[in-house]
Amino acid sequence: MSSPLTFWQVRILLLLTLEPQSVEEVSNRMAERGAVLDTSRVRQLLDELLAAGLLTQTPRKGHAGARYALGAGPAIDAALDQAYEVVKGQPASGPRKP
């Protein structure tokens, strides 16, 4: 991981600690927490995390799209440590603009 994670990358990374999820599931969970992001923005953030080697992607059987899950190894451990630090320093509502 070469550059620090953004606030929204951190939020998505932490949501994916729950279970593998689709773009729509991530969008819905973000909305439940008060952060409404366009699905195209969520997809972009997932793609960025995938390109950084922090996520894996599995096609959904019988459905369009894919499910995203946390990767494994030292890079993901470091990213999660960073994510927890970012979240500790933010108010519960986070930044106002996605």
C-alpha atoms as a PDB file:
ATOM      1  CA  MET A   1       0.000   0.000   0.000  1.00  0.00           C
ATOM      2  CA  SER A   2       1.792   3.109  -1.206  1.00  0.00           C
ATOM      3  CA  SER A   3      -0.473   5.987  -0.185  1.00  0.00           C
ATOM      4  CA  PRO A   4      -2.767   6.552   2.791  1.00  0.00           C
ATOM      5  CA  LEU A   5      -6.347   5.400   2.465  1.00  0.00           C
ATOM      6  CA  THR A   6      -9.052   8.030   2.033  1.00  0.00           C
ATOM      7  CA  PHE A   7     -11.858   8.390   4.562  1.00  0.00           C
ATOM      8  CA  TRP A   8     -14.331   6.627   2.249  1.00  0.00           C
ATOM      9  CA  GLN A   9     -11.896   3.817   1.411  1.00  0.00           C
ATOM     10  CA  VAL A  10     -11.481   3.281   5.154  1.00  0.00           C
ATOM     11  CA  ARG A  11     -15.240   3.098   5.716  1.00  0.00           C
ATOM     12  CA  ILE A  12     -15.687   0.549   2.931  1.00  0.00           C
ATOM     13  CA  LEU A  13     -12.719  -1.514   4.079  1.00  0.00           C
ATOM     14  CA  LEU A  14     -14.168  -1.705   7.582  1.00  0.00           C
ATOM     15  CA  LEU A  15     -17.634  -2.627   6.266  1.00  0.00           C
ATOM     16  CA  LEU A  16     -16.070  -5.531   4.410  1.00  0.00           C
ATOM     17  CA  THR A  17     -14.728  -6.950   7.668  1.00  0.00           C
ATOM     18  CA  LEU A  18     -18.314  -8.105   8.286  1.00  0.00           C
ATOM     19  CA  GLU A  19     -18.653 -10.394   5.250  1.00  0.00           C
ATOM     20  CA  PRO A  20     -18.192 -10.370   1.454  1.00  0.00           C
ATOM     21  CA  GLN A  21     -20.614  -7.879  -0.086  1.00  0.00           C
ATOM     22  CA  SER A  22     -21.822  -6.598  -3.450  1.00  0.00           C
ATOM     23  CA  VAL A  23     -21.659  -2.957  -4.525  1.00  0.00           C
ATOM     24  CA  GLU A  24     -25.334  -2.580  -3.641  1.00  0.00           C
ATOM     25  CA  GLU A  25     -24.877  -4.120  -0.200  1.00  0.00           C
ATOM     26  CA  VAL A  26     -21.979  -1.772   0.557  1.00  0.00           C
ATOM     27  CA  SER A  27     -24.050   1.208  -0.663  1.00  0.00           C
ATOM     28  CA  ASN A  28     -26.983   0.158   1.531  1.00  0.00           C
ATOM     29  CA  ARG A  29     -24.826  -0.332   4.626  1.00  0.00           C
ATOM     30  CA  MET A  30     -23.198   3.069   4.076  1.00  0.00           C
ATOM     31  CA  ALA A  31     -26.663   4.656   3.764  1.00  0.00           C
ATOM     32  CA  GLU A  32     -27.797   2.960   6.999  1.00  0.00           C
ATOM     33  CA  ARG A  33     -24.898   4.761   8.665  1.00  0.00           C
ATOM     34  CA  GLY A  34     -25.890   8.130   7.199  1.00  0.00           C
ATOM     35  CA  ALA A  35     -23.493   8.275   4.247  1.00  0.00           C
ATOM     36  CA  VAL A  36     -25.358   8.187   0.958  1.00  0.00           C
ATOM     37  CA  LEU A  37     -22.900   7.545  -1.867  1.00  0.00           C
ATOM     38  CA  ASP A  38     -23.827   6.977  -5.490  1.00  0.00           C
ATOM     39  CA  THR A  39     -23.318   3.321  -6.464  1.00  0.00           C
ATOM     40  CA  SER A  40     -20.865   4.394  -9.162  1.00  0.00           C
ATOM     41  CA  ARG A  41     -18.757   6.084  -6.446  1.00  0.00           C
ATOM     42  CA  VAL A  42     -18.923   2.968  -4.260  1.00  0.00           C
ATOM     43  CA  ARG A  43     -17.873   0.858  -7.263  1.00  0.00           C
ATOM     44  CA  GLN A  44     -14.957   3.249  -7.897  1.00  0.00           C
ATOM     45  CA  LEU A  45     -13.820   2.986  -4.268  1.00  0.00           C
ATOM     46  CA  LEU A  46     -14.081  -0.817  -4.367  1.00  0.00           C
ATOM     47  CA  ASP A  47     -12.062  -0.872  -7.602  1.00  0.00           C
ATOM     48  CA  GLU A  48      -9.385   1.331  -5.993  1.00  0.00           C
ATOM     49  CA  LEU A  49      -9.130  -1.030  -3.014  1.00  0.00           C
ATOM     50  CA  LEU A  50      -9.078  -4.023  -5.373  1.00  0.00           C
ATOM     51  CA  ALA A  51      -6.265  -2.448  -7.430  1.00  0.00           C
ATOM     52  CA  ALA A  52      -4.321  -1.816  -4.206  1.00  0.00           C
ATOM     53  CA  GLY A  53      -4.512  -5.551  -3.464  1.00  0.00           C
ATOM     54  CA  LEU A  54      -6.660  -5.074  -0.364  1.00  0.00           C
ATOM     55  CA  LEU A  55      -9.786  -6.810  -1.683  1.00  0.00           C
ATOM     56  CA  THR A  56     -10.697  -9.897  -3.648  1.00  0.00           C
ATOM     57  CA  GLN A  57     -13.571 -10.083  -6.113  1.00  0.00           C
ATOM     58  CA  THR A  58     -15.779 -13.115  -6.747  1.00  0.00           C
ATOM     59  CA  PRO A  59     -18.453 -13.220  -9.469  1.00  0.00           C
ATOM     60  CA  ARG A  60     -21.950 -13.775  -8.088  1.00  0.00           C
ATOM     61  CA  LYS A  61     -23.469 -17.042  -9.302  1.00  0.00           C
ATOM     62  CA  GLY A  62     -26.622 -16.436 -11.315  1.00  0.00           C
ATOM     63  CA  HIS A  63     -26.471 -12.675 -10.737  1.00  0.00           C
ATOM     64  CA  ALA A  64     -24.836  -9.723 -12.389  1.00  0.00           C
ATOM     65  CA  GLY A  65     -21.926  -8.147 -10.560  1.00  0.00           C
ATOM     66  CA  ALA A  66     -19.530  -9.494  -7.987  1.00  0.00           C
ATOM     67  CA  ARG A  67     -18.953  -9.774  -4.265  1.00  0.00           C
ATOM     68  CA  TYR A  68     -15.977  -8.091  -2.658  1.00  0.00           C
ATOM     69  CA  ALA A  69     -14.090  -9.420   0.358  1.00  0.00           C
ATOM     70  CA  LEU A  70     -10.997  -8.480   2.316  1.00  0.00           C
ATOM     71  CA  GLY A  71      -7.730  -9.822   1.024  1.00  0.00           C
ATOM     72  CA  ALA A  72      -5.157 -11.443   3.295  1.00  0.00           C
ATOM     73  CA  GLY A  73      -1.598 -10.746   4.308  1.00  0.00           C
ATOM     74  CA  PRO A  74       0.556  -7.986   5.763  1.00  0.00           C
ATOM     75  CA  ALA A  75      -0.822  -5.278   3.440  1.00  0.00           C
ATOM     76  CA  ILE A  76      -4.395  -5.823   4.604  1.00  0.00           C
ATOM     77  CA  ASP A  77      -3.278  -5.929   8.246  1.00  0.00           C
ATOM     78  CA  ALA A  78      -1.516  -2.572   7.805  1.00  0.00           C
ATOM     79  CA  ALA A  79      -4.529  -1.120   5.957  1.00  0.00           C
ATOM     80  CA  LEU A  80      -6.914  -2.210   8.720  1.00  0.00           C
ATOM     81  CA  ASP A  81      -4.617  -0.710  11.365  1.00  0.00           C
ATOM     82  CA  GLN A  82      -4.652   2.540   9.383  1.00  0.00           C
ATOM     83  CA  ALA A  83      -8.438   2.340   8.979  1.00  0.00           C
ATOM     84  CA  TYR A  84      -8.990   1.942  12.717  1.00  0.00           C
ATOM     85  CA  GLU A  85      -6.737   4.954  13.388  1.00  0.00           C
ATOM     86  CA  VAL A  86      -8.621   7.097  10.858  1.00  0.00           C
ATOM     87  CA  VAL A  87     -11.996   6.156  12.324  1.00  0.00           C
ATOM     88  CA  LYS A  88     -10.817   6.800  15.896  1.00  0.00           C
ATOM     89  CA  GLY A  89      -9.925  10.360  14.884  1.00  0.00           C
ATOM     90  CA  GLN A  90     -13.248  11.151  13.154  1.00  0.00           C
ATOM     91  CA  PRO A  91     -16.606  12.157  14.576  1.00  0.00           C
ATOM     92  CA  ALA A  92     -19.230   9.408  14.220  1.00  0.00           C
ATOM     93  CA  SER A  93     -20.920  11.219  11.341  1.00  0.00           C
ATOM     94  CA  GLY A  94     -17.690  11.624   9.337  1.00  0.00           C
ATOM     95  CA  PRO A  95     -17.146  14.309   6.739  1.00  0.00           C
ATOM     96  CA  ARG A  96     -20.178  16.058   5.325  1.00  0.00           C
ATOM     97  CA  LYS A  97     -19.469  15.582   1.600  1.00  0.00           C
ATOM     98  CA  PRO A  98     -18.731  12.212  -0.071  1.00  0.00           C
END
